Amino acid sequence: MKRAMIIINPSSGKELALEYLQKVEQLLRSEAGYDVVVNETAKELDATNFCISACEDCFDLVVSIGGDGTLHETINGLLDQKHRPLLGIVPLGTVNDFARALQIPLDPDEAIRTLTSSQVKDVDMGRLNDQLFANVVAAGSLAESLSSVSSEDKSKLGAFAYFREGLRELVNNSAAPLRIEYDGEVWEGDSPLFIATLTNSVGGFEKIAPEATVDDGLLHGFIFKDLNLFNTLAVGASLLFGHLKDHQDVIYFTARHIQVTSNQPVRTNVDGEEGPALPIDMHILPGHIKVVVPEVQVV
């Protein structure tokens, strides 16, 4: 019999996670014919360790029920594994960038129905030092401030919680000296923010990198130059309308390998969570995981 492991953050989805869990269990057992194991997270890295055990025991499917943090931990359990189960996603977070990029419904009930889809997509992952990331790495003083956005603000404001915090930081004109090496090219200068993204959706803004797809084999890099209040508002409009790469104060490139260093202490934000300090080394892992997606993809 096929085996599925459900990894669930019981505190996600405004405390409704356990109700959705029952629906997922019933669907997988009765309609899809899986033998189901359920693991609830209680502390940091629980989801990663559960997923590692699913790989070692050759499970057929792992389902992540929770927000971007739970999904990030779950995906990291697939790192360097010989056997990697299919990944199913029931998004219960406030942003859900990875689900957006894969056109997985943000409505949990619709996402649950997707778990029985026969459509599977090979999806790129990024490797950052010794961890995987599914969506975005940000570095710079602005990235540090974004890590401080509270769960309450994210619940109330969604993507605009990040945008508001970003405006505050950029108005203070806080920049860090960065050296960015990418596929043989080098950029050096002061910047409040560098972003490397795998998908078109970052922080809930679905047009930040319109050309990016989950299987294009590329990291999409954006270097923000020192910005003042006036052109910060222009960058905000570019974020909303998908013209960020064309902004005069933004340098855009694509690469398969990126290294970022600084002569000052600079931290990062990885998939919406606080990440390691510079230096960092990133490269693309094409088609590294297989994700269950809706039968009909919206074009």
Protein backbone atom coordinates (compact mmCIF):
# COMPACT_ATOMS: atom_id res chain seq x y z
CA MET A 1 0.00 0.00 0.00
CA LYS A 2 1.14 3.55 -0.74
CA ARG A 3 2.22 5.54 2.31
CA ALA A 4 1.71 9.22 3.04
CA MET A 5 3.09 11.34 5.87
CA ILE A 6 1.23 14.48 6.92
CA ILE A 7 3.38 17.12 8.62
CA ILE A 8 1.19 19.72 10.29
CA ASN A 9 1.73 22.86 12.32
CA PRO A 10 -1.30 22.65 14.65
CA SER A 11 -1.22 26.37 15.45
CA SER A 12 -1.44 27.55 11.84
CA GLY A 13 -4.47 28.65 9.88
CA LYS A 14 -6.02 30.63 12.74
CA GLU A 15 -6.20 27.47 14.84
CA LEU A 16 -8.17 25.60 12.14
CA ALA A 17 -5.28 23.35 11.13
CA LEU A 18 -6.59 20.28 12.97
CA GLU A 19 -9.96 20.57 11.22
CA TYR A 20 -8.20 20.58 7.87
CA LEU A 21 -6.09 17.64 9.02
CA GLN A 22 -9.19 15.47 9.37
CA LYS A 23 -10.22 16.31 5.80
CA VAL A 24 -6.76 15.50 4.45
CA GLU A 25 -6.64 12.18 6.31
CA GLN A 26 -10.05 11.15 5.04
CA LEU A 27 -9.22 12.11 1.45
CA LEU A 28 -5.89 10.30 1.38
CA ARG A 29 -7.22 7.15 3.03
CA SER A 30 -10.60 6.75 1.36
CA GLU A 31 -10.10 8.27 -2.10
CA ALA A 32 -6.37 7.90 -2.75
CA GLY A 33 -5.74 4.63 -0.91
CA TYR A 34 -2.83 5.75 1.26
CA ASP A 35 -1.74 4.40 4.60
CA VAL A 36 -1.38 7.68 6.50
CA VAL A 37 0.98 8.76 9.29
CA VAL A 38 0.43 12.12 11.02
CA ASN A 39 3.16 14.15 12.70
CA GLU A 40 2.48 17.44 14.51
CA THR A 41 5.25 19.99 14.91
CA ALA A 42 5.98 21.32 18.40
CA LYS A 43 9.39 22.97 18.03
CA GLU A 44 11.91 24.20 15.51
CA LEU A 45 13.17 21.64 12.98
CA ASP A 46 10.43 19.11 13.79
CA ALA A 47 9.09 19.31 10.22
CA THR A 48 12.59 18.79 8.80
CA ASN A 49 13.22 15.74 10.95
CA PHE A 50 9.81 14.25 10.14
CA CYS A 51 10.48 14.68 6.42
CA ILE A 52 13.92 13.10 6.75
CA SER A 53 12.31 10.02 8.29
CA ALA A 54 9.76 9.92 5.44
CA CYS A 55 12.64 9.88 2.96
CA GLU A 56 14.56 7.20 4.82
CA ASP A 57 11.43 5.02 5.09
CA CYS A 58 10.60 5.56 1.39
CA PHE A 59 7.18 7.16 1.84
CA ASP A 60 5.38 7.96 -1.41
CA LEU A 61 3.95 11.33 -0.37
CA VAL A 62 4.64 14.03 2.21
CA VAL A 63 1.94 16.67 2.81
CA SER A 64 2.84 19.97 4.46
CA ILE A 65 -0.07 21.65 6.28
CA GLY A 66 0.91 25.09 7.56
CA GLY A 67 2.53 28.33 6.54
CA ASP A 68 5.70 29.15 4.65
CA GLY A 69 7.83 28.39 7.71
CA THR A 70 6.46 24.85 8.02
CA LEU A 71 6.89 24.32 4.29
CA HIS A 72 10.48 25.62 4.37
CA GLU A 73 11.37 23.18 7.16
CA THR A 74 9.63 20.29 5.40
CA ILE A 75 11.45 20.92 2.12
CA ASN A 76 14.78 20.96 3.96
CA GLY A 77 14.14 17.37 4.97
CA LEU A 78 14.57 16.51 1.26
CA LEU A 79 18.14 17.81 1.17
CA ASP A 80 20.71 15.21 0.00
CA GLN A 81 18.17 12.37 0.17
CA LYS A 82 18.36 9.42 -2.23
CA HIS A 83 14.59 8.94 -2.06
CA ARG A 84 12.41 12.06 -2.14
CA PRO A 85 8.63 11.57 -1.80
CA LEU A 86 6.13 13.62 -3.75
CA LEU A 87 5.27 16.86 -1.96
CA GLY A 88 1.70 17.99 -1.34
CA ILE A 89 0.90 21.44 0.04
CA VAL A 90 -2.05 22.78 2.03
CA PRO A 91 -1.17 26.46 2.54
CA LEU A 92 -2.35 28.00 5.82
CA GLY A 93 0.06 30.94 6.05
CA THR A 94 -0.45 34.65 5.44
CA VAL A 95 1.69 34.89 2.27
CA ASN A 96 2.13 31.37 0.79
CA ASP A 97 4.52 32.42 -1.99
CA PHE A 98 5.46 28.91 -3.07
CA ALA A 99 1.84 27.83 -3.39
CA ARG A 100 1.07 30.99 -5.38
CA ALA A 101 3.90 30.29 -7.80
CA LEU A 102 2.62 26.75 -8.37
CA GLN A 103 -0.99 27.90 -8.72
CA ILE A 104 -1.99 25.72 -5.79
CA PRO A 105 -5.27 27.14 -4.43
CA LEU A 106 -4.88 29.38 -1.38
CA ASP A 107 -8.26 28.23 -0.14
CA PRO A 108 -7.40 25.24 2.10
CA ASP A 109 -10.39 23.15 1.06
CA GLU A 110 -9.54 23.56 -2.62
CA ALA A 111 -5.88 22.83 -1.91
CA ILE A 112 -6.87 19.63 -0.11
CA ARG A 113 -8.78 18.45 -3.19
CA THR A 114 -5.63 19.06 -5.24
CA LEU A 115 -3.83 16.32 -3.26
CA THR A 116 -5.52 13.66 -5.38
CA SER A 117 -4.40 15.29 -8.64
CA SER A 118 -2.44 13.15 -11.09
CA GLN A 119 -0.47 16.24 -12.17
CA VAL A 120 3.07 16.38 -10.77
CA LYS A 121 5.57 19.16 -11.51
CA ASP A 122 9.36 19.01 -11.29
CA VAL A 123 10.34 22.12 -9.34
CA ASP A 124 13.72 23.83 -8.92
CA MET A 125 15.19 24.35 -5.47
CA GLY A 126 17.94 26.69 -4.40
CA ARG A 127 20.77 25.59 -2.14
CA LEU A 128 22.02 28.24 0.28
CA ASN A 129 25.13 27.09 2.14
CA ASP A 130 23.84 23.93 3.87
CA GLN A 131 20.08 24.43 3.43
CA LEU A 132 17.44 24.47 0.71
CA PHE A 133 15.17 27.38 -0.12
CA ALA A 134 12.03 27.23 -2.21
CA ASN A 135 11.35 30.84 -2.95
CA VAL A 136 13.61 33.74 -1.98
CA VAL A 137 16.79 34.82 -0.23
CA ALA A 138 17.18 38.47 0.77
CA ALA A 139 20.33 40.13 2.13
CA GLY A 140 20.96 43.60 3.51
CA SER A 141 19.68 45.91 6.21
CA LEU A 142 16.19 45.78 4.74
CA ALA A 143 16.20 41.98 4.83
CA GLU A 144 17.00 42.13 8.55
CA SER A 145 14.08 44.48 9.20
CA LEU A 146 11.69 42.21 7.29
CA SER A 147 12.55 39.38 9.69
CA SER A 148 11.15 41.52 12.50
CA VAL A 149 7.64 41.74 11.03
CA SER A 150 5.33 40.29 13.66
CA SER A 151 2.94 37.39 13.08
CA GLU A 152 0.11 39.71 14.12
CA ASP A 153 1.00 42.26 11.43
CA LYS A 154 1.35 39.51 8.82
CA SER A 155 -2.09 38.18 9.75
CA LYS A 156 -3.68 41.64 9.56
CA LEU A 157 -1.86 43.12 6.57
CA GLY A 158 -0.51 40.16 4.60
CA ALA A 159 2.09 41.20 2.01
CA PHE A 160 1.68 44.88 2.87
CA ALA A 161 3.16 44.25 6.32
CA TYR A 162 6.47 43.62 4.56
CA PHE A 163 5.98 46.60 2.26
CA ARG A 164 5.28 48.94 5.19
CA GLU A 165 8.33 47.75 7.10
CA GLY A 166 10.42 48.11 3.97
CA LEU A 167 9.33 51.70 3.47
CA ARG A 168 10.32 52.54 7.03
CA GLU A 169 13.78 51.09 6.56
CA LEU A 170 14.38 52.68 3.17
CA VAL A 171 13.29 56.11 4.40
CA ASN A 172 16.11 55.81 6.94
CA ASN A 173 18.44 55.31 3.96
CA SER A 174 20.13 52.32 5.58
CA ALA A 175 22.47 50.48 3.20
CA ALA A 176 25.25 47.90 3.59
CA PRO A 177 28.38 47.33 1.48
CA LEU A 178 27.80 44.19 -0.60
CA ARG A 179 29.91 42.21 -3.06
CA ILE A 180 27.79 40.05 -5.32
CA GLU A 181 29.41 37.52 -7.66
CA TYR A 182 27.21 35.75 -10.17
CA ASP A 183 28.25 33.44 -13.01
CA GLY A 184 31.59 35.20 -13.45
CA GLU A 185 30.27 38.76 -13.05
CA VAL A 186 30.87 41.01 -10.02
CA TRP A 187 28.92 43.94 -8.55
CA GLU A 188 30.16 45.93 -5.55
CA GLY A 189 28.47 48.83 -3.78
CA ASP A 190 26.14 49.95 -1.01
CA SER A 191 22.66 48.47 -1.10
CA PRO A 192 19.77 48.23 1.38
CA LEU A 193 18.56 45.01 -0.23
CA PHE A 194 19.57 42.19 -2.54
CA ILE A 195 17.02 39.54 -3.53
CA ALA A 196 17.54 36.20 -5.25
CA THR A 197 14.24 34.56 -6.12
CA LEU A 198 13.21 31.29 -7.72
CA THR A 199 9.60 32.26 -8.37
CA ASN A 200 7.47 35.17 -9.52
CA SER A 201 5.91 35.68 -6.07
CA VAL A 202 7.84 37.31 -3.22
CA GLY A 203 6.17 38.50 -0.03
CA GLY A 204 2.78 38.08 -1.69
CA PHE A 205 3.71 40.33 -4.63
CA GLU A 206 3.10 38.01 -7.57
CA LYS A 207 4.72 40.20 -10.23
CA ILE A 208 8.10 40.92 -8.68
CA ALA A 209 9.77 38.66 -11.25
CA PRO A 210 7.17 37.93 -13.94
CA GLU A 211 9.60 35.94 -16.08
CA ALA A 212 10.57 33.58 -13.24
CA THR A 213 9.08 30.10 -13.32
CA VAL A 214 9.50 27.22 -10.90
CA ASP A 215 11.37 25.16 -13.48
CA ASP A 216 13.50 27.63 -15.50
CA GLY A 217 16.80 26.56 -13.89
CA LEU A 218 17.65 30.13 -12.87
CA LEU A 219 18.05 32.38 -9.86
CA HIS A 220 16.61 35.84 -10.52
CA GLY A 221 18.67 38.55 -8.81
CA PHE A 222 17.66 42.11 -7.92
CA ILE A 223 20.14 44.62 -6.50
CA PHE A 224 18.45 47.67 -5.00
CA LYS A 225 20.61 50.77 -5.06
CA ASP A 226 20.53 53.43 -2.32
CA LEU A 227 16.98 54.79 -2.42
CA ASN A 228 15.34 57.91 -1.06
CA LEU A 229 11.68 58.34 -0.19
CA PHE A 230 10.58 59.53 -3.63
CA ASN A 231 12.01 56.76 -5.74
CA THR A 232 11.08 54.25 -3.03
CA LEU A 233 7.45 54.97 -3.89
CA ALA A 234 8.30 54.40 -7.54
CA VAL A 235 9.84 51.03 -6.66
CA GLY A 236 6.61 50.20 -4.82
CA ALA A 237 4.62 50.84 -8.00
CA SER A 238 7.07 48.67 -9.94
CA LEU A 239 6.49 45.85 -7.45
CA LEU A 240 2.74 46.01 -7.99
CA PHE A 241 2.82 46.21 -11.78
CA GLY A 242 5.69 43.85 -12.61
CA HIS A 243 8.25 46.38 -13.86
CA LEU A 244 10.79 46.10 -11.04
CA LYS A 245 13.65 44.94 -13.26
CA ASP A 246 13.24 48.05 -15.44
CA HIS A 247 13.49 50.55 -12.56
CA GLN A 248 16.50 52.85 -12.81
CA ASP A 249 17.57 52.09 -9.24
CA VAL A 250 17.38 48.31 -9.59
CA ILE A 251 19.93 45.99 -11.23
CA TYR A 252 18.42 42.74 -12.50
CA PHE A 253 20.23 39.58 -13.59
CA THR A 254 19.78 35.81 -13.83
CA ALA A 255 22.35 33.26 -12.74
CA ARG A 256 22.88 29.68 -11.66
CA HIS A 257 25.43 30.48 -8.95
CA ILE A 258 25.58 33.54 -6.66
CA GLN A 259 27.92 34.46 -3.81
CA VAL A 260 27.24 37.44 -1.53
CA THR A 261 29.80 38.85 0.93
CA SER A 262 30.28 42.02 2.98
CA ASN A 263 32.96 43.55 5.17
CA GLN A 264 30.25 44.37 7.72
CA PRO A 265 27.89 42.06 9.67
CA VAL A 266 24.86 41.50 7.43
CA ARG A 267 22.08 38.99 7.98
CA THR A 268 19.68 37.39 5.55
CA ASN A 269 16.03 36.42 5.27
CA VAL A 270 15.31 33.00 3.74
CA ASP A 271 11.79 32.11 2.59
CA GLY A 272 10.41 34.72 5.00
CA GLU A 273 12.40 33.50 8.01
CA GLU A 274 15.60 34.84 9.58
CA GLY A 275 18.59 33.36 7.76
CA PRO A 276 22.36 33.09 8.25
CA ALA A 277 24.79 36.00 8.22
CA LEU A 278 26.91 36.72 5.15
CA PRO A 279 28.85 35.26 3.43
CA ILE A 280 26.39 33.07 1.55
CA ASP A 281 26.77 30.79 -1.46
CA MET A 282 23.73 29.92 -3.58
CA HIS A 283 23.22 27.66 -6.55
CA ILE A 284 20.26 26.21 -8.41
CA LEU A 285 19.16 22.57 -8.15
CA PRO A 286 17.04 22.05 -11.30
CA GLY A 287 13.91 19.89 -10.90
CA HIS A 288 14.99 18.83 -7.42
CA ILE A 289 11.54 18.04 -6.02
CA LYS A 290 8.23 16.81 -7.41
CA VAL A 291 5.11 18.70 -6.26
CA VAL A 292 1.47 17.70 -6.66
CA VAL A 293 -0.28 20.56 -8.51
CA PRO A 294 -3.84 21.13 -9.81
CA GLU A 295 -4.95 19.10 -12.81
CA VAL A 296 -5.58 22.18 -14.93
CA GLN A 297 -2.95 24.91 -14.69
CA VAL A 298 -4.28 28.45 -15.12
CA VAL A 299 -2.36 30.28 -17.86
